Amino acid sequence: QVQLVESGGGLVQPGGSLRLSCAASGIIFRFASMGWYRQAPGKQRDLVEIITIGASTTYADSVKGRFTISRDNAKNTVYLQMNSLEPEDTAVYYCRFVTSSGSVSWGQGTQVTVSS
């Protein structure tokens, strides 16, 4: 079992920045990808950005040029640097961890609110 602990959410004004962190612990074997999804009220959970074991990234068009994913392999931690935040970025952000065998784990979510 992989446990994921997210941190870094909060309230920020439009144009501001936040950095989310997701630390994985437990029985961790080779992972396939780690990344972030988000879910706004009344909407489905959508991909934000993920990074694979090969360091390739996939991201939503809406965050291109504003959000950057990175990882620290030694700490089993993935980060999401979010710049130029917009009210439309308001959502609960979830960390997702996928092992090479296809097992998927989700974090509990962290709220990001962009408002003046």
PDB file of N, CA and C in Angstrom:
ATOM      1  N   GLN A   1       0.837  -1.182   0.000  1.00  0.00           N
ATOM      2  CA  GLN A   1       0.000   0.000   0.000  1.00  0.00           C
ATOM      3  C   GLN A   1       0.881   1.243   0.000  1.00  0.00           C
ATOM      4  N   VAL A   2       0.486   2.204  -0.792  1.00  0.00           N
ATOM      5  CA  VAL A   2       1.189   3.481  -0.863  1.00  0.00           C
ATOM      6  C   VAL A   2       0.299   4.535  -0.216  1.00  0.00           C
ATOM      7  N   GLN A   3       0.872   5.292   0.687  1.00  0.00           N
ATOM      8  CA  GLN A   3       0.156   6.411   1.292  1.00  0.00           C
ATOM      9  C   GLN A   3       0.702   7.707   0.699  1.00  0.00           C
ATOM     10  N   LEU A   4      -0.209   8.614   0.413  1.00  0.00           N
ATOM     11  CA  LEU A   4       0.155   9.895  -0.171  1.00  0.00           C
ATOM     12  C   LEU A   4      -0.327  11.019   0.741  1.00  0.00           C
ATOM     13  N   VAL A   5       0.559  11.940   1.048  1.00  0.00           N
ATOM     14  CA  VAL A   5       0.221  13.077   1.892  1.00  0.00           C
ATOM     15  C   VAL A   5       0.513  14.356   1.114  1.00  0.00           C
ATOM     16  N   GLU A   6      -0.549  15.123   0.877  1.00  0.00           N
ATOM     17  CA  GLU A   6      -0.429  16.366   0.125  1.00  0.00           C
ATOM     18  C   GLU A   6      -0.365  17.553   1.080  1.00  0.00           C
ATOM     19  N   SER A   7       0.286  18.589   0.630  1.00  0.00           N
ATOM     20  CA  SER A   7       0.330  19.829   1.399  1.00  0.00           C
ATOM     21  C   SER A   7       0.562  20.988   0.444  1.00  0.00           C
ATOM     22  N   GLY A   8       0.334  22.200   0.962  1.00  0.00           N
ATOM     23  CA  GLY A   8       0.652  23.383   0.180  1.00  0.00           C
ATOM     24  C   GLY A   8      -0.530  24.139  -0.380  1.00  0.00           C
ATOM     25  N   GLY A   9      -1.736  23.609  -0.226  1.00  0.00           N
ATOM     26  CA  GLY A   9      -2.898  24.332  -0.722  1.00  0.00           C
ATOM     27  C   GLY A   9      -3.208  25.545   0.132  1.00  0.00           C
ATOM     28  N   GLY A  10      -4.167  26.340  -0.316  1.00  0.00           N
ATOM     29  CA  GLY A  10      -4.564  27.515   0.448  1.00  0.00           C
ATOM     30  C   GLY A  10      -5.279  28.524  -0.399  1.00  0.00           C
ATOM     31  N   LEU A  11      -5.397  29.716   0.155  1.00  0.00           N
ATOM     32  CA  LEU A  11      -6.062  30.833  -0.521  1.00  0.00           C
ATOM     33  C   LEU A  11      -5.005  31.772  -1.074  1.00  0.00           C
ATOM     34  N   VAL A  12      -5.161  32.133  -2.335  1.00  0.00           N
ATOM     35  CA  VAL A  12      -4.200  33.026  -2.973  1.00  0.00           C
ATOM     36  C   VAL A  12      -4.952  33.976  -3.891  1.00  0.00           C
ATOM     37  N   GLN A  13      -4.415  35.162  -4.075  1.00  0.00           N
ATOM     38  CA  GLN A  13      -5.038  36.117  -4.973  1.00  0.00           C
ATOM     39  C   GLN A  13      -4.706  35.778  -6.429  1.00  0.00           C
ATOM     40  N   PRO A  14      -5.551  36.212  -7.345  1.00  0.00           N
ATOM     41  CA  PRO A  14      -5.228  36.006  -8.770  1.00  0.00           C
ATOM     42  C   PRO A  14      -3.859  36.573  -9.107  1.00  0.00           C
ATOM     43  N   GLY A  15      -3.113  35.801  -9.897  1.00  0.00           N
ATOM     44  CA  GLY A  15      -1.753  36.184 -10.236  1.00  0.00           C
ATOM     45  C   GLY A  15      -0.712  35.670  -9.281  1.00  0.00           C
ATOM     46  N   GLY A  16      -1.146  35.116  -8.164  1.00  0.00           N
ATOM     47  CA  GLY A  16      -0.222  34.617  -7.160  1.00  0.00           C
ATOM     48  C   GLY A  16       0.290  33.216  -7.470  1.00  0.00           C
ATOM     49  N   SER A  17       1.066  32.675  -6.534  1.00  0.00           N
ATOM     50  CA  SER A  17       1.691  31.369  -6.714  1.00  0.00           C
ATOM     51  C   SER A  17       1.486  30.489  -5.485  1.00  0.00           C
ATOM     52  N   LEU A  18       1.494  29.217  -5.720  1.00  0.00           N
ATOM     53  CA  LEU A  18       1.486  28.212  -4.663  1.00  0.00           C
ATOM     54  C   LEU A  18       2.332  27.036  -5.136  1.00  0.00           C
ATOM     55  N   ARG A  19       2.874  26.291  -4.171  1.00  0.00           N
ATOM     56  CA  ARG A  19       3.555  25.058  -4.493  1.00  0.00           C
ATOM     57  C   ARG A  19       2.947  23.927  -3.692  1.00  0.00           C
ATOM     58  N   LEU A  20       2.450  22.933  -4.404  1.00  0.00           N
ATOM     59  CA  LEU A  20       1.895  21.742  -3.775  1.00  0.00           C
ATOM     60  C   LEU A  20       2.972  20.666  -3.669  1.00  0.00           C
ATOM     61  N   SER A  21       2.889  19.897  -2.592  1.00  0.00           N
ATOM     62  CA  SER A  21       3.801  18.776  -2.394  1.00  0.00           C
ATOM     63  C   SER A  21       3.004  17.508  -2.149  1.00  0.00           C
ATOM     64  N   CYS A  22       3.543  16.393  -2.587  1.00  0.00           N
ATOM     65  CA  CYS A  22       2.914  15.091  -2.345  1.00  0.00           C
ATOM     66  C   CYS A  22       4.015  14.106  -2.011  1.00  0.00           C
ATOM     67  N   ALA A  23       3.994  13.635  -0.775  1.00  0.00           N
ATOM     68  CA  ALA A  23       4.995  12.685  -0.316  1.00  0.00           C
ATOM     69  C   ALA A  23       4.395  11.289  -0.273  1.00  0.00           C
ATOM     70  N   ALA A  24       5.079  10.350  -0.889  1.00  0.00           N
ATOM     71  CA  ALA A  24       4.620   8.958  -0.917  1.00  0.00           C
ATOM     72  C   ALA A  24       5.388   8.147   0.107  1.00  0.00           C
ATOM     73  N   SER A  25       4.687   7.280   0.801  1.00  0.00           N
ATOM     74  CA  SER A  25       5.318   6.392   1.768  1.00  0.00           C
ATOM     75  C   SER A  25       4.623   5.038   1.726  1.00  0.00           C
ATOM     76  N   GLY A  26       5.197   4.078   2.442  1.00  0.00           N
ATOM     77  CA  GLY A  26       4.623   2.745   2.440  1.00  0.00           C
ATOM     78  C   GLY A  26       5.438   1.815   1.568  1.00  0.00           C
ATOM     79  N   ILE A  27       4.796   0.831   1.005  1.00  0.00           N
ATOM     80  CA  ILE A  27       5.472  -0.144   0.166  1.00  0.00           C
ATOM     81  C   ILE A  27       5.573   0.443  -1.241  1.00  0.00           C
ATOM     82  N   ILE A  28       6.719   1.025  -1.515  1.00  0.00           N
ATOM     83  CA  ILE A  28       6.899   1.686  -2.795  1.00  0.00           C
ATOM     84  C   ILE A  28       7.886   0.906  -3.646  1.00  0.00           C
ATOM     85  N   PHE A  29       7.430   0.462  -4.758  1.00  0.00           N
ATOM     86  CA  PHE A  29       8.303  -0.162  -5.729  1.00  0.00           C
ATOM     87  C   PHE A  29       8.473   0.813  -6.894  1.00  0.00           C
ATOM     88  N   ARG A  30       8.963   0.317  -7.950  1.00  0.00           N
ATOM     89  CA  ARG A  30       9.185   1.160  -9.106  1.00  0.00           C
ATOM     90  C   ARG A  30       7.855   1.801  -9.519  1.00  0.00           C
ATOM     91  N   PHE A  31       7.857   3.096  -9.674  1.00  0.00           N
ATOM     92  CA  PHE A  31       6.608   3.734 -10.039  1.00  0.00           C
ATOM     93  C   PHE A  31       6.592   4.029 -11.524  1.00  0.00           C
ATOM     94  N   ALA A  32       5.403   4.147 -12.046  1.00  0.00           N
ATOM     95  CA  ALA A  32       5.234   4.475 -13.459  1.00  0.00           C
ATOM     96  C   ALA A  32       5.042   5.974 -13.644  1.00  0.00           C
ATOM     97  N   SER A  33       4.221   6.560 -12.776  1.00  0.00           N
ATOM     98  CA  SER A  33       3.992   7.993 -12.878  1.00  0.00           C
ATOM     99  C   SER A  33       3.476   8.541 -11.562  1.00  0.00           C
ATOM    100  N   MET A  34       3.724   9.800 -11.363  1.00  0.00           N
ATOM    101  CA  MET A  34       3.140  10.548 -10.244  1.00  0.00           C
ATOM    102  C   MET A  34       2.613  11.841 -10.824  1.00  0.00           C
ATOM    103  N   GLY A  35       1.574  12.340 -10.213  1.00  0.00           N
ATOM    104  CA  GLY A  35       1.074  13.588 -10.758  1.00  0.00           C
ATOM    105  C   GLY A  35      -0.103  14.150 -10.014  1.00  0.00           C
ATOM    106  N   TRP A  36      -0.717  15.134 -10.632  1.00  0.00           N
ATOM    107  CA  TRP A  36      -1.777  15.901 -10.014  1.00  0.00           C
ATOM    108  C   TRP A  36      -3.020  15.954 -10.892  1.00  0.00           C
ATOM    109  N   TYR A  37      -4.144  15.811 -10.242  1.00  0.00           N
ATOM    110  CA  TYR A  37      -5.447  16.004 -10.839  1.00  0.00           C
ATOM    111  C   TYR A  37      -6.173  17.044  -9.997  1.00  0.00           C
ATOM    112  N   ARG A  38      -7.230  17.587 -10.540  1.00  0.00           N
ATOM    113  CA  ARG A  38      -8.030  18.539  -9.771  1.00  0.00           C
ATOM    114  C   ARG A  38      -9.500  18.369 -10.084  1.00  0.00           C
ATOM    115  N   GLN A  39     -10.308  18.760  -9.088  1.00  0.00           N
ATOM    116  CA  GLN A  39     -11.760  18.649  -9.237  1.00  0.00           C
ATOM    117  C   GLN A  39     -12.407  19.892  -8.669  1.00  0.00           C
ATOM    118  N   ALA A  40     -13.063  20.633  -9.537  1.00  0.00           N
ATOM    119  CA  ALA A  40     -13.817  21.807  -9.116  1.00  0.00           C
ATOM    120  C   ALA A  40     -15.226  21.374  -8.748  1.00  0.00           C
ATOM    121  N   PRO A  41     -15.936  22.172  -7.955  1.00  0.00           N
ATOM    122  CA  PRO A  41     -17.308  21.807  -7.550  1.00  0.00           C
ATOM    123  C   PRO A  41     -18.195  21.545  -8.754  1.00  0.00           C
ATOM    124  N   GLY A  42     -18.861  20.400  -8.738  1.00  0.00           N
ATOM    125  CA  GLY A  42     -19.794  20.070  -9.802  1.00  0.00           C
ATOM    126  C   GLY A  42     -19.156  19.582 -11.084  1.00  0.00           C
ATOM    127  N   LYS A  43     -17.833  19.400 -11.063  1.00  0.00           N
ATOM    128  CA  LYS A  43     -17.145  18.974 -12.276  1.00  0.00           C
ATOM    129  C   LYS A  43     -16.407  17.658 -12.037  1.00  0.00           C
ATOM    130  N   GLN A  44     -15.970  17.034 -13.111  1.00  0.00           N
ATOM    131  CA  GLN A  44     -15.236  15.787 -12.992  1.00  0.00           C
ATOM    132  C   GLN A  44     -13.784  16.079 -12.611  1.00  0.00           C
ATOM    133  N   ARG A  45     -13.112  15.043 -12.160  1.00  0.00           N
ATOM    134  CA  ARG A  45     -11.702  15.157 -11.815  1.00  0.00           C
ATOM    135  C   ARG A  45     -10.871  15.101 -13.107  1.00  0.00           C
ATOM    136  N   ASP A  46     -10.051  16.103 -13.304  1.00  0.00           N
ATOM    137  CA  ASP A  46      -9.286  16.214 -14.541  1.00  0.00           C
ATOM    138  C   ASP A  46      -7.787  16.218 -14.280  1.00  0.00           C
ATOM    139  N   LEU A  47      -7.048  15.778 -15.252  1.00  0.00           N
ATOM    140  CA  LEU A  47      -5.592  15.795 -15.169  1.00  0.00           C
ATOM    141  C   LEU A  47      -5.082  17.230 -15.166  1.00  0.00           C
ATOM    142  N   VAL A  48      -4.092  17.470 -14.316  1.00  0.00           N
ATOM    143  CA  VAL A  48      -3.389  18.757 -14.333  1.00  0.00           C
ATOM    144  C   VAL A  48      -2.024  18.546 -14.972  1.00  0.00           C
ATOM    145  N   GLU A  49      -1.202  17.712 -14.332  1.00  0.00           N
ATOM    146  CA  GLU A  49       0.119  17.426 -14.872  1.00  0.00           C
ATOM    147  C   GLU A  49       0.663  16.176 -14.199  1.00  0.00           C
ATOM    148  N   ILE A  50       1.310  15.337 -14.996  1.00  0.00           N
ATOM    149  CA  ILE A  50       1.928  14.138 -14.456  1.00  0.00           C
ATOM    150  C   ILE A  50       3.348  14.024 -14.977  1.00  0.00           C
ATOM    151  N   ILE A  51       4.153  13.266 -14.254  1.00  0.00           N
ATOM    152  CA  ILE A  51       5.525  13.004 -14.666  1.00  0.00           C
ATOM    153  C   ILE A  51       5.783  11.507 -14.551  1.00  0.00           C
ATOM    154  N   THR A  52       6.406  10.950 -15.569  1.00  0.00           N
ATOM    155  CA  THR A  52       6.665   9.523 -15.581  1.00  0.00           C
ATOM    156  C   THR A  52       8.048   9.221 -15.013  1.00  0.00           C
ATOM    157  N   ILE A  53       8.308   7.927 -14.853  1.00  0.00           N
ATOM    158  CA  ILE A  53       9.610   7.516 -14.352  1.00  0.00           C
ATOM    159  C   ILE A  53      10.713   7.939 -15.317  1.00  0.00           C
ATOM    160  N   GLY A  54      10.353   8.093 -16.568  1.00  0.00           N
ATOM    161  CA  GLY A  54      11.323   8.554 -17.550  1.00  0.00           C
ATOM    162  C   GLY A  54      11.434  10.061 -17.625  1.00  0.00           C
ATOM    163  N   ALA A  55      10.731  10.744 -16.726  1.00  0.00           N
ATOM    164  CA  ALA A  55      10.767  12.208 -16.610  1.00  0.00           C
ATOM    165  C   ALA A  55      10.019  12.929 -17.726  1.00  0.00           C
ATOM    166  N   SER A  56       9.228  12.213 -18.490  1.00  0.00           N
ATOM    167  CA  SER A  56       8.384  12.915 -19.449  1.00  0.00           C
ATOM    168  C   SER A  56       7.144  13.431 -18.729  1.00  0.00           C
ATOM    169  N   THR A  57       6.599  14.517 -19.229  1.00  0.00           N
ATOM    170  CA  THR A  57       5.456  15.138 -18.567  1.00  0.00           C
ATOM    171  C   THR A  57       4.276  15.264 -19.513  1.00  0.00           C
ATOM    172  N   THR A  58       3.110  15.221 -18.949  1.00  0.00           N
ATOM    173  CA  THR A  58       1.870  15.463 -19.668  1.00  0.00           C
ATOM    174  C   THR A  58       1.088  16.470 -18.850  1.00  0.00           C
ATOM    175  N   TYR A  59       0.530  17.470 -19.503  1.00  0.00           N
ATOM    176  CA  TYR A  59      -0.180  18.502 -18.762  1.00  0.00           C
ATOM    177  C   TYR A  59      -1.407  18.962 -19.538  1.00  0.00           C
ATOM    178  N   ALA A  60      -2.310  19.565 -18.789  1.00  0.00           N
ATOM    179  CA  ALA A  60      -3.508  20.129 -19.402  1.00  0.00           C
ATOM    180  C   ALA A  60      -3.151  21.428 -20.116  1.00  0.00           C
ATOM    181  N   ASP A  61      -3.792  21.689 -21.231  1.00  0.00           N
ATOM    182  CA  ASP A  61      -3.528  22.920 -21.981  1.00  0.00           C
ATOM    183  C   ASP A  61      -3.760  24.165 -21.137  1.00  0.00           C
ATOM    184  N   SER A  62      -4.705  24.081 -20.224  1.00  0.00           N
ATOM    185  CA  SER A  62      -5.071  25.249 -19.423  1.00  0.00           C
ATOM    186  C   SER A  62      -3.971  25.677 -18.457  1.00  0.00           C
ATOM    187  N   VAL A  63      -3.011  24.804 -18.192  1.00  0.00           N
ATOM    188  CA  VAL A  63      -1.955  25.151 -17.235  1.00  0.00           C
ATOM    189  C   VAL A  63      -0.594  25.321 -17.906  1.00  0.00           C
ATOM    190  N   LYS A  64      -0.551  25.163 -19.209  1.00  0.00           N
ATOM    191  CA  LYS A  64       0.707  25.263 -19.954  1.00  0.00           C
ATOM    192  C   LYS A  64       1.354  26.624 -19.721  1.00  0.00           C
ATOM    193  N   GLY A  65       2.625  26.571 -19.379  1.00  0.00           N
ATOM    194  CA  GLY A  65       3.373  27.798 -19.146  1.00  0.00           C
ATOM    195  C   GLY A  65       3.177  28.395 -17.773  1.00  0.00           C
ATOM    196  N   ARG A  66       2.271  27.853 -17.006  1.00  0.00           N
ATOM    197  CA  ARG A  66       2.008  28.398 -15.661  1.00  0.00           C
ATOM    198  C   ARG A  66       2.373  27.409 -14.554  1.00  0.00           C
ATOM    199  N   PHE A  67       2.111  26.132 -14.792  1.00  0.00           N
ATOM    200  CA  PHE A  67       2.356  25.103 -13.775  1.00  0.00           C
ATOM    201  C   PHE A  67       3.561  24.263 -14.198  1.00  0.00           C
ATOM    202  N   THR A  68       4.341  23.843 -13.216  1.00  0.00           N
ATOM    203  CA  THR A  68       5.494  22.990 -13.487  1.00  0.00           C
ATOM    204  C   THR A  68       5.554  21.871 -12.460  1.00  0.00           C
ATOM    205  N   ILE A  69       5.657  20.645 -12.953  1.00  0.00           N
ATOM    206  CA  ILE A  69       5.770  19.491 -12.068  1.00  0.00           C
ATOM    207  C   ILE A  69       7.240  19.104 -11.936  1.00  0.00           C
ATOM    208  N   SER A  70       7.607  18.645 -10.762  1.00  0.00           N
ATOM    209  CA  SER A  70       8.963  18.155 -10.542  1.00  0.00           C
ATOM    210  C   SER A  70       8.915  17.055  -9.493  1.00  0.00           C
ATOM    211  N   ARG A  71       9.993  16.330  -9.353  1.00  0.00           N
ATOM    212  CA  ARG A  71      10.004  15.245  -8.382  1.00  0.00           C
ATOM    213  C   ARG A  71      11.371  15.150  -7.716  1.00  0.00           C
ATOM    214  N   ASP A  72      11.355  14.620  -6.514  1.00  0.00           N
ATOM    215  CA  ASP A  72      12.565  14.308  -5.766  1.00  0.00           C
ATOM    216  C   ASP A  72      12.525  12.810  -5.493  1.00  0.00           C
ATOM    217  N   ASN A  73      13.274  12.058  -6.265  1.00  0.00           N
ATOM    218  CA  ASN A  73      13.216  10.607  -6.156  1.00  0.00           C
ATOM    219  C   ASN A  73      13.662  10.118  -4.780  1.00  0.00           C
ATOM    220  N   ALA A  74      14.650  10.786  -4.215  1.00  0.00           N
ATOM    221  CA  ALA A  74      15.158  10.357  -2.911  1.00  0.00           C
ATOM    222  C   ALA A  74      14.111  10.502  -1.820  1.00  0.00           C
ATOM    223  N   LYS A  75      13.218  11.462  -1.990  1.00  0.00           N
ATOM    224  CA  LYS A  75      12.182  11.709  -0.987  1.00  0.00           C
ATOM    225  C   LYS A  75      10.831  11.151  -1.402  1.00  0.00           C
ATOM    226  N   ASN A  76      10.780  10.502  -2.568  1.00  0.00           N
ATOM    227  CA  ASN A  76       9.498   9.998  -3.083  1.00  0.00           C
ATOM    228  C   ASN A  76       8.437  11.089  -3.048  1.00  0.00           C
ATOM    229  N   THR A  77       8.819  12.247  -3.491  1.00  0.00           N
ATOM    230  CA  THR A  77       7.934  13.407  -3.423  1.00  0.00           C
ATOM    231  C   THR A  77       7.811  14.049  -4.792  1.00  0.00           C
ATOM    232  N   VAL A  78       6.600  14.476  -5.098  1.00  0.00           N
ATOM    233  CA  VAL A  78       6.354  15.213  -6.329  1.00  0.00           C
ATOM    234  C   VAL A  78       5.801  16.584  -5.963  1.00  0.00           C
ATOM    235  N   TYR A  79       6.177  17.579  -6.730  1.00  0.00           N
ATOM    236  CA  TYR A  79       5.779  18.957  -6.471  1.00  0.00           C
ATOM    237  C   TYR A  79       5.019  19.513  -7.671  1.00  0.00           C
ATOM    238  N   LEU A  80       4.170  20.488  -7.408  1.00  0.00           N
ATOM    239  CA  LEU A  80       3.509  21.221  -8.472  1.00  0.00           C
ATOM    240  C   LEU A  80       3.654  22.704  -8.159  1.00  0.00           C
ATOM    241  N   GLN A  81       4.491  23.368  -8.918  1.00  0.00           N
ATOM    242  CA  GLN A  81       4.645  24.806  -8.791  1.00  0.00           C
ATOM    243  C   GLN A  81       3.597  25.478  -9.668  1.00  0.00           C
ATOM    244  N   MET A  82       2.758  26.280  -9.042  1.00  0.00           N
ATOM    245  CA  MET A  82       1.661  26.925  -9.756  1.00  0.00           C
ATOM    246  C   MET A  82       1.866  28.427  -9.710  1.00  0.00           C
ATOM    247  N   ASN A  83       2.048  29.011 -10.870  1.00  0.00           N
ATOM    248  CA  ASN A  83       2.244  30.451 -10.990  1.00  0.00           C
ATOM    249  C   ASN A  83       1.093  31.076 -11.780  1.00  0.00           C
ATOM    250  N   SER A  84       0.978  32.364 -11.682  1.00  0.00           N
ATOM    251  CA  SER A  84      -0.060  33.099 -12.416  1.00  0.00           C
ATOM    252  C   SER A  84      -1.428  32.454 -12.231  1.00  0.00           C
ATOM    253  N   LEU A  85      -1.759  32.182 -11.010  1.00  0.00           N
ATOM    254  CA  LEU A  85      -3.006  31.488 -10.719  1.00  0.00           C
ATOM    255  C   LEU A  85      -4.215  32.331 -11.089  1.00  0.00           C
ATOM    256  N   GLU A  86      -5.239  31.644 -11.543  1.00  0.00           N
ATOM    257  CA  GLU A  86      -6.481  32.275 -11.989  1.00  0.00           C
ATOM    258  C   GLU A  86      -7.644  31.705 -11.170  1.00  0.00           C
ATOM    259  N   PRO A  87      -8.733  32.464 -11.072  1.00  0.00           N
ATOM    260  CA  PRO A  87      -9.893  31.928 -10.337  1.00  0.00           C
ATOM    261  C   PRO A  87     -10.346  30.560 -10.859  1.00  0.00           C
ATOM    262  N   GLU A  88     -10.148  30.317 -12.153  1.00  0.00           N
ATOM    263  CA  GLU A  88     -10.550  29.044 -12.742  1.00  0.00           C
ATOM    264  C   GLU A  88      -9.702  27.876 -12.249  1.00  0.00           C
ATOM    265  N   ASP A  89      -8.594  28.165 -11.588  1.00  0.00           N
ATOM    266  CA  ASP A  89      -7.760  27.110 -11.024  1.00  0.00           C
ATOM    267  C   ASP A  89      -8.279  26.626  -9.670  1.00  0.00           C
ATOM    268  N   THR A  90      -9.294  27.281  -9.146  1.00  0.00           N
ATOM    269  CA  THR A  90      -9.862  26.891  -7.866  1.00  0.00           C
ATOM    270  C   THR A  90     -10.432  25.476  -7.948  1.00  0.00           C
ATOM    271  N   ALA A  91      -9.957  24.616  -7.062  1.00  0.00           N
ATOM    272  CA  ALA A  91     -10.373  23.215  -7.076  1.00  0.00           C
ATOM    273  C   ALA A  91      -9.709  22.491  -5.909  1.00  0.00           C
ATOM    274  N   VAL A  92     -10.129  21.260  -5.707  1.00  0.00           N
ATOM    275  CA  VAL A  92      -9.388  20.361  -4.827  1.00  0.00           C
ATOM    276  C   VAL A  92      -8.370  19.629  -5.700  1.00  0.00           C
ATOM    277  N   TYR A  93      -7.121  19.678  -5.288  1.00  0.00           N
ATOM    278  CA  TYR A  93      -6.046  19.065  -6.050  1.00  0.00           C
ATOM    279  C   TYR A  93      -5.662  17.730  -5.400  1.00  0.00           C
ATOM    280  N   TYR A  94      -5.610  16.710  -6.235  1.00  0.00           N
ATOM    281  CA  TYR A  94      -5.324  15.358  -5.762  1.00  0.00           C
ATOM    282  C   TYR A  94      -4.018  14.848  -6.375  1.00  0.00           C
ATOM    283  N   CYS A  95      -3.232  14.235  -5.538  1.00  0.00           N
ATOM    284  CA  CYS A  95      -2.024  13.563  -5.993  1.00  0.00           C
ATOM    285  C   CYS A  95      -2.365  12.124  -6.373  1.00  0.00           C
ATOM    286  N   ARG A  96      -1.733  11.646  -7.431  1.00  0.00           N
ATOM    287  CA  ARG A  96      -1.955  10.264  -7.866  1.00  0.00           C
ATOM    288  C   ARG A  96      -0.620   9.582  -8.125  1.00  0.00           C
ATOM    289  N   PHE A  97      -0.528   8.357  -7.663  1.00  0.00           N
ATOM    290  CA  PHE A  97       0.697   7.555  -7.784  1.00  0.00           C
ATOM    291  C   PHE A  97       0.324   6.252  -8.483  1.00  0.00           C
ATOM    292  N   VAL A  98       1.045   5.926  -9.537  1.00  0.00           N
ATOM    293  CA  VAL A  98       0.776   4.702 -10.283  1.00  0.00           C
ATOM    294  C   VAL A  98       2.048   3.863 -10.314  1.00  0.00           C
ATOM    295  N   THR A  99       1.942   2.620  -9.858  1.00  0.00           N
ATOM    296  CA  THR A  99       3.112   1.742  -9.871  1.00  0.00           C
ATOM    297  C   THR A  99       3.283   1.115 -11.247  1.00  0.00           C
ATOM    298  N   SER A 100       4.433   0.505 -11.448  1.00  0.00           N
ATOM    299  CA  SER A 100       4.698  -0.125 -12.736  1.00  0.00           C
ATOM    300  C   SER A 100       3.763  -1.302 -13.005  1.00  0.00           C
ATOM    301  N   SER A 101       3.127  -1.825 -11.960  1.00  0.00           N
ATOM    302  CA  SER A 101       2.173  -2.911 -12.136  1.00  0.00           C
ATOM    303  C   SER A 101       0.763  -2.395 -12.374  1.00  0.00           C
ATOM    304  N   GLY A 102       0.608  -1.072 -12.335  1.00  0.00           N
ATOM    305  CA  GLY A 102      -0.692  -0.491 -12.623  1.00  0.00           C
ATOM    306  C   GLY A 102      -1.546  -0.162 -11.418  1.00  0.00           C
ATOM    307  N   SER A 103      -1.019  -0.367 -10.218  1.00  0.00           N
ATOM    308  CA  SER A 103      -1.766  -0.029  -9.017  1.00  0.00           C
ATOM    309  C   SER A 103      -1.811   1.484  -8.847  1.00  0.00           C
ATOM    310  N   VAL A 104      -3.002   2.005  -8.538  1.00  0.00           N
ATOM    311  CA  VAL A 104      -3.200   3.455  -8.442  1.00  0.00           C
ATOM    312  C   VAL A 104      -3.556   3.841  -7.010  1.00  0.00           C
ATOM    313  N   SER A 105      -2.890   4.856  -6.493  1.00  0.00           N
ATOM    314  CA  SER A 105      -3.206   5.404  -5.181  1.00  0.00           C
ATOM    315  C   SER A 105      -3.489   6.889  -5.321  1.00  0.00           C
ATOM    316  N   TRP A 106      -4.421   7.373  -4.491  1.00  0.00           N
ATOM    317  CA  TRP A 106      -4.796   8.783  -4.502  1.00  0.00           C
ATOM    318  C   TRP A 106      -4.545   9.386  -3.125  1.00  0.00           C
ATOM    319  N   GLY A 107      -4.183  10.658  -3.108  1.00  0.00           N
ATOM    320  CA  GLY A 107      -4.100  11.391  -1.868  1.00  0.00           C
ATOM    321  C   GLY A 107      -5.476  11.859  -1.444  1.00  0.00           C
ATOM    322  N   GLN A 108      -5.518  12.515  -0.284  1.00  0.00           N
ATOM    323  CA  GLN A 108      -6.804  12.946   0.267  1.00  0.00           C
ATOM    324  C   GLN A 108      -7.290  14.253  -0.334  1.00  0.00           C
ATOM    325  N   GLY A 109      -6.425  14.937  -1.038  1.00  0.00           N
ATOM    326  CA  GLY A 109      -6.798  16.194  -1.673  1.00  0.00           C
ATOM    327  C   GLY A 109      -6.424  17.402  -0.843  1.00  0.00           C
ATOM    328  N   THR A 110      -6.098  18.490  -1.525  1.00  0.00           N
ATOM    329  CA  THR A 110      -5.801  19.752  -0.864  1.00  0.00           C
ATOM    330  C   THR A 110      -6.505  20.873  -1.632  1.00  0.00           C
ATOM    331  N   GLN A 111      -7.154  21.748  -0.885  1.00  0.00           N
ATOM    332  CA  GLN A 111      -7.955  22.805  -1.500  1.00  0.00           C
ATOM    333  C   GLN A 111      -7.072  23.955  -1.958  1.00  0.00           C
ATOM    334  N   VAL A 112      -7.286  24.387  -3.184  1.00  0.00           N
ATOM    335  CA  VAL A 112      -6.665  25.602  -3.716  1.00  0.00           C
ATOM    336  C   VAL A 112      -7.776  26.556  -4.103  1.00  0.00           C
ATOM    337  N   THR A 113      -7.748  27.739  -3.527  1.00  0.00           N
ATOM    338  CA  THR A 113      -8.748  28.756  -3.817  1.00  0.00           C
ATOM    339  C   THR A 113      -8.052  30.007  -4.306  1.00  0.00           C
ATOM    340  N   VAL A 114      -8.450  30.461  -5.487  1.00  0.00           N
ATOM    341  CA  VAL A 114      -7.876  31.669  -6.075  1.00  0.00           C
ATOM    342  C   VAL A 114      -8.980  32.728  -6.109  1.00  0.00           C
ATOM    343  N   SER A 115      -8.805  33.720  -5.289  1.00  0.00           N
ATOM    344  CA  SER A 115      -9.853  34.734  -5.147  1.00  0.00           C
ATOM    345  C   SER A 115      -9.265  36.012  -4.577  1.00  0.00           C
ATOM    346  N   SER A 116      -9.849  37.129  -4.999  1.00  0.00           N
ATOM    347  CA  SER A 116      -9.427  38.410  -4.454  1.00  0.00           C
ATOM    348  C   SER A 116     -10.313  38.811  -3.276  1.00  0.00           C
TER     349      SER A 116
END
